[in-house]
Amino acid sequence: MTYAQELLKEGRTEGRAEGRTEGEIKAEVRIIENLLQEGMEWAAIERVTGVNEAQFQALKQQVEDMND
């Protein structure tokens, strides 16, 4: 394998990992938003997801930044 092919392969691998991470963050935000719409309180959401309100706001901001 040439050096250029190795770099291309490495770039694809990094891109896939980044895409998975973005997808996981978006899914977590969507789940928490749905729980809030159903009336679940933050204490329960934090117990279930391990994400507190401040962390949720940071995740939401990340999603907004991804969409820009």
PDB file of N, CA and C in Angstrom:
ATOM      1  N   MET A   1       0.854  -1.173   0.000  1.00  0.00           N
ATOM      2  CA  MET A   1       0.000   0.000   0.000  1.00  0.00           C
ATOM      3  C   MET A   1       0.901   1.238   0.000  1.00  0.00           C
ATOM      4  N   THR A   2       0.572   2.186  -0.854  1.00  0.00           N
ATOM      5  CA  THR A   2       1.379   3.403  -0.923  1.00  0.00           C
ATOM      6  C   THR A   2       1.068   4.299   0.268  1.00  0.00           C
ATOM      7  N   TYR A   3       1.924   5.271   0.471  1.00  0.00           N
ATOM      8  CA  TYR A   3       1.734   6.228   1.563  1.00  0.00           C
ATOM      9  C   TYR A   3       0.428   7.002   1.372  1.00  0.00           C
ATOM     10  N   ALA A   4       0.137   7.395   0.136  1.00  0.00           N
ATOM     11  CA  ALA A   4      -1.101   8.127  -0.151  1.00  0.00           C
ATOM     12  C   ALA A   4      -2.322   7.267   0.172  1.00  0.00           C
ATOM     13  N   GLN A   5      -2.274   5.989  -0.161  1.00  0.00           N
ATOM     14  CA  GLN A   5      -3.387   5.087   0.134  1.00  0.00           C
ATOM     15  C   GLN A   5      -3.567   4.921   1.638  1.00  0.00           C
ATOM     16  N   GLU A   6      -2.449   4.854   2.362  1.00  0.00           N
ATOM     17  CA  GLU A   6      -2.524   4.745   3.823  1.00  0.00           C
ATOM     18  C   GLU A   6      -3.169   5.988   4.424  1.00  0.00           C
ATOM     19  N   LEU A   7      -2.787   7.163   3.925  1.00  0.00           N
ATOM     20  CA  LEU A   7      -3.383   8.406   4.415  1.00  0.00           C
ATOM     21  C   LEU A   7      -4.876   8.456   4.111  1.00  0.00           C
ATOM     22  N   LEU A   8      -5.258   8.034   2.928  1.00  0.00           N
ATOM     23  CA  LEU A   8      -6.670   8.013   2.550  1.00  0.00           C
ATOM     24  C   LEU A   8      -7.456   7.074   3.454  1.00  0.00           C
ATOM     25  N   LYS A   9      -6.903   5.900   3.713  1.00  0.00           N
ATOM     26  CA  LYS A   9      -7.555   4.932   4.589  1.00  0.00           C
ATOM     27  C   LYS A   9      -7.703   5.499   5.999  1.00  0.00           C
ATOM     28  N   GLU A  10      -6.648   6.148   6.491  1.00  0.00           N
ATOM     29  CA  GLU A  10      -6.682   6.747   7.826  1.00  0.00           C
ATOM     30  C   GLU A  10      -7.745   7.844   7.893  1.00  0.00           C
ATOM     31  N   GLY A  11      -7.828   8.652   6.849  1.00  0.00           N
ATOM     32  CA  GLY A  11      -8.833   9.714   6.795  1.00  0.00           C
ATOM     33  C   GLY A  11     -10.249   9.164   6.806  1.00  0.00           C
ATOM     34  N   ARG A  12     -10.478   8.099   6.080  1.00  0.00           N
ATOM     35  CA  ARG A  12     -11.801   7.464   6.068  1.00  0.00           C
ATOM     36  C   ARG A  12     -12.159   6.933   7.450  1.00  0.00           C
ATOM     37  N   THR A  13     -11.193   6.299   8.088  1.00  0.00           N
ATOM     38  CA  THR A  13     -11.422   5.746   9.424  1.00  0.00           C
ATOM     39  C   THR A  13     -11.777   6.859  10.406  1.00  0.00           C
ATOM     40  N   GLU A  14     -11.030   7.961  10.352  1.00  0.00           N
ATOM     41  CA  GLU A  14     -11.304   9.092  11.240  1.00  0.00           C
ATOM     42  C   GLU A  14     -12.664   9.701  10.935  1.00  0.00           C
ATOM     43  N   GLY A  15     -13.007   9.796   9.665  1.00  0.00           N
ATOM     44  CA  GLY A  15     -14.297  10.349   9.270  1.00  0.00           C
ATOM     45  C   GLY A  15     -15.453   9.499   9.772  1.00  0.00           C
ATOM     46  N   ARG A  16     -15.307   8.200   9.670  1.00  0.00           N
ATOM     47  CA  ARG A  16     -16.362   7.302  10.161  1.00  0.00           C
ATOM     48  C   ARG A  16     -16.534   7.441  11.671  1.00  0.00           C
ATOM     49  N   ALA A  17     -15.421   7.505  12.388  1.00  0.00           N
ATOM     50  CA  ALA A  17     -15.490   7.636  13.848  1.00  0.00           C
ATOM     51  C   ALA A  17     -16.154   8.954  14.229  1.00  0.00           C
ATOM     52  N   GLU A  18     -15.803  10.021  13.520  1.00  0.00           N
ATOM     53  CA  GLU A  18     -16.407  11.325  13.799  1.00  0.00           C
ATOM     54  C   GLU A  18     -17.904  11.290  13.501  1.00  0.00           C
ATOM     55  N   GLY A  19     -18.272  10.648  12.413  1.00  0.00           N
ATOM     56  CA  GLY A  19     -19.688  10.521  12.063  1.00  0.00           C
ATOM     57  C   GLY A  19     -20.471   9.741  13.108  1.00  0.00           C
ATOM     58  N   ARG A  20     -19.885   8.679  13.612  1.00  0.00           N
ATOM     59  CA  ARG A  20     -20.549   7.891  14.664  1.00  0.00           C
ATOM     60  C   ARG A  20     -20.737   8.724  15.919  1.00  0.00           C
ATOM     61  N   THR A  21     -19.706   9.462  16.290  1.00  0.00           N
ATOM     62  CA  THR A  21     -19.783  10.304  17.486  1.00  0.00           C
ATOM     63  C   THR A  21     -20.876  11.347  17.333  1.00  0.00           C
ATOM     64  N   GLU A  22     -20.927  12.008  16.184  1.00  0.00           N
ATOM     65  CA  GLU A  22     -21.966  13.002  15.933  1.00  0.00           C
ATOM     66  C   GLU A  22     -23.355  12.374  16.018  1.00  0.00           C
ATOM     67  N   GLY A  23     -23.491  11.193  15.448  1.00  0.00           N
ATOM     68  CA  GLY A  23     -24.778  10.492  15.489  1.00  0.00           C
ATOM     69  C   GLY A  23     -25.192  10.146  16.910  1.00  0.00           C
ATOM     70  N   GLU A  24     -24.234   9.733  17.722  1.00  0.00           N
ATOM     71  CA  GLU A  24     -24.539   9.392  19.106  1.00  0.00           C
ATOM     72  C   GLU A  24     -24.965  10.624  19.895  1.00  0.00           C
ATOM     73  N   ILE A  25     -24.295  11.743  19.666  1.00  0.00           N
ATOM     74  CA  ILE A  25     -24.653  12.978  20.366  1.00  0.00           C
ATOM     75  C   ILE A  25     -26.057  13.419  19.957  1.00  0.00           C
ATOM     76  N   LYS A  26     -26.342  13.398  18.657  1.00  0.00           N
ATOM     77  CA  LYS A  26     -27.666  13.794  18.171  1.00  0.00           C
ATOM     78  C   LYS A  26     -28.750  12.885  18.754  1.00  0.00           C
ATOM     79  N   ALA A  27     -28.486  11.600  18.831  1.00  0.00           N
ATOM     80  CA  ALA A  27     -29.460  10.657  19.378  1.00  0.00           C
ATOM     81  C   ALA A  27     -29.714  10.933  20.851  1.00  0.00           C
ATOM     82  N   GLU A  28     -28.660  11.204  21.601  1.00  0.00           N
ATOM     83  CA  GLU A  28     -28.821  11.479  23.029  1.00  0.00           C
ATOM     84  C   GLU A  28     -29.649  12.739  23.248  1.00  0.00           C
ATOM     85  N   VAL A  29     -29.376  13.775  22.459  1.00  0.00           N
ATOM     86  CA  VAL A  29     -30.159  15.015  22.573  1.00  0.00           C
ATOM     87  C   VAL A  29     -31.619  14.743  22.244  1.00  0.00           C
ATOM     88  N   ARG A  30     -31.858  13.998  21.185  1.00  0.00           N
ATOM     89  CA  ARG A  30     -33.231  13.674  20.774  1.00  0.00           C
ATOM     90  C   ARG A  30     -33.967  12.899  21.870  1.00  0.00           C
ATOM     91  N   ILE A  31     -33.288  11.931  22.470  1.00  0.00           N
ATOM     92  CA  ILE A  31     -33.904  11.133  23.534  1.00  0.00           C
ATOM     93  C   ILE A  31     -34.269  12.016  24.720  1.00  0.00           C
ATOM     94  N   ILE A  32     -33.336  12.861  25.139  1.00  0.00           N
ATOM     95  CA  ILE A  32     -33.593  13.727  26.296  1.00  0.00           C
ATOM     96  C   ILE A  32     -34.712  14.710  25.982  1.00  0.00           C
ATOM     97  N   GLU A  33     -34.724  15.259  24.779  1.00  0.00           N
ATOM     98  CA  GLU A  33     -35.807  16.167  24.404  1.00  0.00           C
ATOM     99  C   GLU A  33     -37.155  15.453  24.461  1.00  0.00           C
ATOM    100  N   ASN A  34     -37.195  14.207  24.011  1.00  0.00           N
ATOM    101  CA  ASN A  34     -38.440  13.430  24.065  1.00  0.00           C
ATOM    102  C   ASN A  34     -38.861  13.163  25.505  1.00  0.00           C
ATOM    103  N   LEU A  35     -37.908  12.846  26.365  1.00  0.00           N
ATOM    104  CA  LEU A  35     -38.237  12.612  27.775  1.00  0.00           C
ATOM    105  C   LEU A  35     -38.793  13.883  28.406  1.00  0.00           C
ATOM    106  N   LEU A  36     -38.210  15.022  28.073  1.00  0.00           N
ATOM    107  CA  LEU A  36     -38.714  16.296  28.603  1.00  0.00           C
ATOM    108  C   LEU A  36     -40.124  16.578  28.091  1.00  0.00           C
ATOM    109  N   GLN A  37     -40.374  16.300  26.819  1.00  0.00           N
ATOM    110  CA  GLN A  37     -41.711  16.502  26.255  1.00  0.00           C
ATOM    111  C   GLN A  37     -42.747  15.615  26.934  1.00  0.00           C
ATOM    112  N   GLU A  38     -42.315  14.463  27.396  1.00  0.00           N
ATOM    113  CA  GLU A  38     -43.218  13.550  28.095  1.00  0.00           C
ATOM    114  C   GLU A  38     -43.409  13.937  29.557  1.00  0.00           C
ATOM    115  N   GLY A  39     -42.714  14.993  29.978  1.00  0.00           N
ATOM    116  CA  GLY A  39     -42.893  15.487  31.337  1.00  0.00           C
ATOM    117  C   GLY A  39     -41.953  14.904  32.377  1.00  0.00           C
ATOM    118  N   MET A  40     -40.949  14.188  31.940  1.00  0.00           N
ATOM    119  CA  MET A  40     -40.016  13.599  32.896  1.00  0.00           C
ATOM    120  C   MET A  40     -39.183  14.711  33.536  1.00  0.00           C
ATOM    121  N   GLU A  41     -38.936  14.582  34.815  1.00  0.00           N
ATOM    122  CA  GLU A  41     -38.152  15.575  35.548  1.00  0.00           C
ATOM    123  C   GLU A  41     -36.662  15.318  35.357  1.00  0.00           C
ATOM    124  N   TRP A  42     -35.875  16.397  35.536  1.00  0.00           N
ATOM    125  CA  TRP A  42     -34.438  16.298  35.311  1.00  0.00           C
ATOM    126  C   TRP A  42     -33.760  15.277  36.202  1.00  0.00           C
ATOM    127  N   ALA A  43     -34.214  15.141  37.420  1.00  0.00           N
ATOM    128  CA  ALA A  43     -33.582  14.168  38.325  1.00  0.00           C
ATOM    129  C   ALA A  43     -33.683  12.764  37.734  1.00  0.00           C
ATOM    130  N   ALA A  44     -34.844  12.432  37.169  1.00  0.00           N
ATOM    131  CA  ALA A  44     -35.035  11.109  36.567  1.00  0.00           C
ATOM    132  C   ALA A  44     -34.225  10.984  35.282  1.00  0.00           C
ATOM    133  N   ILE A  45     -34.211  12.037  34.475  1.00  0.00           N
ATOM    134  CA  ILE A  45     -33.435  12.007  33.231  1.00  0.00           C
ATOM    135  C   ILE A  45     -31.957  11.798  33.539  1.00  0.00           C
ATOM    136  N   GLU A  46     -31.467  12.485  34.549  1.00  0.00           N
ATOM    137  CA  GLU A  46     -30.059  12.343  34.914  1.00  0.00           C
ATOM    138  C   GLU A  46     -29.752  10.927  35.394  1.00  0.00           C
ATOM    139  N   ARG A  47     -30.650  10.350  36.180  1.00  0.00           N
ATOM    140  CA  ARG A  47     -30.443   8.969  36.648  1.00  0.00           C
ATOM    141  C   ARG A  47     -30.406   8.005  35.473  1.00  0.00           C
ATOM    142  N   VAL A  48     -31.311   8.192  34.516  1.00  0.00           N
ATOM    143  CA  VAL A  48     -31.434   7.261  33.397  1.00  0.00           C
ATOM    144  C   VAL A  48     -30.311   7.436  32.375  1.00  0.00           C
ATOM    145  N   THR A  49     -29.994   8.692  32.039  1.00  0.00           N
ATOM    146  CA  THR A  49     -29.035   8.940  30.961  1.00  0.00           C
ATOM    147  C   THR A  49     -27.628   9.250  31.438  1.00  0.00           C
ATOM    148  N   GLY A  50     -27.504   9.687  32.686  1.00  0.00           N
ATOM    149  CA  GLY A  50     -26.199  10.105  33.188  1.00  0.00           C
ATOM    150  C   GLY A  50     -25.820  11.502  32.733  1.00  0.00           C
ATOM    151  N   VAL A  51     -26.778  12.229  32.137  1.00  0.00           N
ATOM    152  CA  VAL A  51     -26.528  13.570  31.622  1.00  0.00           C
ATOM    153  C   VAL A  51     -27.335  14.559  32.454  1.00  0.00           C
ATOM    154  N   ASN A  52     -26.659  15.572  33.006  1.00  0.00           N
ATOM    155  CA  ASN A  52     -27.394  16.586  33.762  1.00  0.00           C
ATOM    156  C   ASN A  52     -27.803  17.726  32.828  1.00  0.00           C
ATOM    157  N   GLU A  53     -28.524  18.698  33.356  1.00  0.00           N
ATOM    158  CA  GLU A  53     -29.070  19.763  32.512  1.00  0.00           C
ATOM    159  C   GLU A  53     -27.971  20.587  31.843  1.00  0.00           C
ATOM    160  N   ALA A  54     -26.905  20.894  32.566  1.00  0.00           N
ATOM    161  CA  ALA A  54     -25.805  21.669  31.984  1.00  0.00           C
ATOM    162  C   ALA A  54     -25.122  20.892  30.853  1.00  0.00           C
ATOM    163  N   GLN A  55     -24.918  19.604  31.065  1.00  0.00           N
ATOM    164  CA  GLN A  55     -24.312  18.777  30.026  1.00  0.00           C
ATOM    165  C   GLN A  55     -25.220  18.694  28.799  1.00  0.00           C
ATOM    166  N   PHE A  56     -26.527  18.609  29.055  1.00  0.00           N
ATOM    167  CA  PHE A  56     -27.496  18.564  27.962  1.00  0.00           C
ATOM    168  C   PHE A  56     -27.419  19.838  27.124  1.00  0.00           C
ATOM    169  N   GLN A  57     -27.342  20.979  27.785  1.00  0.00           N
ATOM    170  CA  GLN A  57     -27.244  22.240  27.052  1.00  0.00           C
ATOM    171  C   GLN A  57     -25.973  22.271  26.201  1.00  0.00           C
ATOM    172  N   ALA A  58     -24.881  21.755  26.735  1.00  0.00           N
ATOM    173  CA  ALA A  58     -23.619  21.697  25.983  1.00  0.00           C
ATOM    174  C   ALA A  58     -23.756  20.765  24.777  1.00  0.00           C
ATOM    175  N   LEU A  59     -24.429  19.625  24.966  1.00  0.00           N
ATOM    176  CA  LEU A  59     -24.651  18.695  23.854  1.00  0.00           C
ATOM    177  C   LEU A  59     -25.523  19.331  22.780  1.00  0.00           C
ATOM    178  N   LYS A  60     -26.573  20.039  23.214  1.00  0.00           N
ATOM    179  CA  LYS A  60     -27.444  20.729  22.256  1.00  0.00           C
ATOM    180  C   LYS A  60     -26.657  21.744  21.443  1.00  0.00           C
ATOM    181  N   GLN A  61     -25.748  22.457  22.104  1.00  0.00           N
ATOM    182  CA  GLN A  61     -24.934  23.441  21.408  1.00  0.00           C
ATOM    183  C   GLN A  61     -24.025  22.758  20.391  1.00  0.00           C
ATOM    184  N   GLN A  62     -23.491  21.606  20.762  1.00  0.00           N
ATOM    185  CA  GLN A  62     -22.653  20.854  19.821  1.00  0.00           C
ATOM    186  C   GLN A  62     -23.441  20.469  18.580  1.00  0.00           C
ATOM    187  N   VAL A  63     -24.685  20.029  18.786  1.00  0.00           N
ATOM    188  CA  VAL A  63     -25.528  19.646  17.658  1.00  0.00           C
ATOM    189  C   VAL A  63     -25.793  20.854  16.771  1.00  0.00           C
ATOM    190  N   GLU A  64     -26.094  21.989  17.377  1.00  0.00           N
ATOM    191  CA  GLU A  64     -26.318  23.205  16.590  1.00  0.00           C
ATOM    192  C   GLU A  64     -25.067  23.581  15.810  1.00  0.00           C
ATOM    193  N   ASP A  65     -23.903  23.455  16.444  1.00  0.00           N
ATOM    194  CA  ASP A  65     -22.641  23.768  15.753  1.00  0.00           C
ATOM    195  C   ASP A  65     -22.383  22.813  14.593  1.00  0.00           C
ATOM    196  N   MET A  66     -22.781  21.555  14.747  1.00  0.00           N
ATOM    197  CA  MET A  66     -22.597  20.568  13.671  1.00  0.00           C
ATOM    198  C   MET A  66     -23.457  20.940  12.462  1.00  0.00           C
ATOM    199  N   ASN A  67     -24.612  21.512  12.735  1.00  0.00           N
ATOM    200  CA  ASN A  67     -25.545  21.836  11.666  1.00  0.00           C
ATOM    201  C   ASN A  67     -25.216  23.140  10.961  1.00  0.00           C
ATOM    202  N   ASP A  68     -24.281  23.896  11.508  1.00  0.00           N
ATOM    203  CA  ASP A  68     -23.898  25.173  10.869  1.00  0.00           C
ATOM    204  C   ASP A  68     -22.904  24.980   9.750  1.00  0.00           C
TER     205      ASP A  68
END
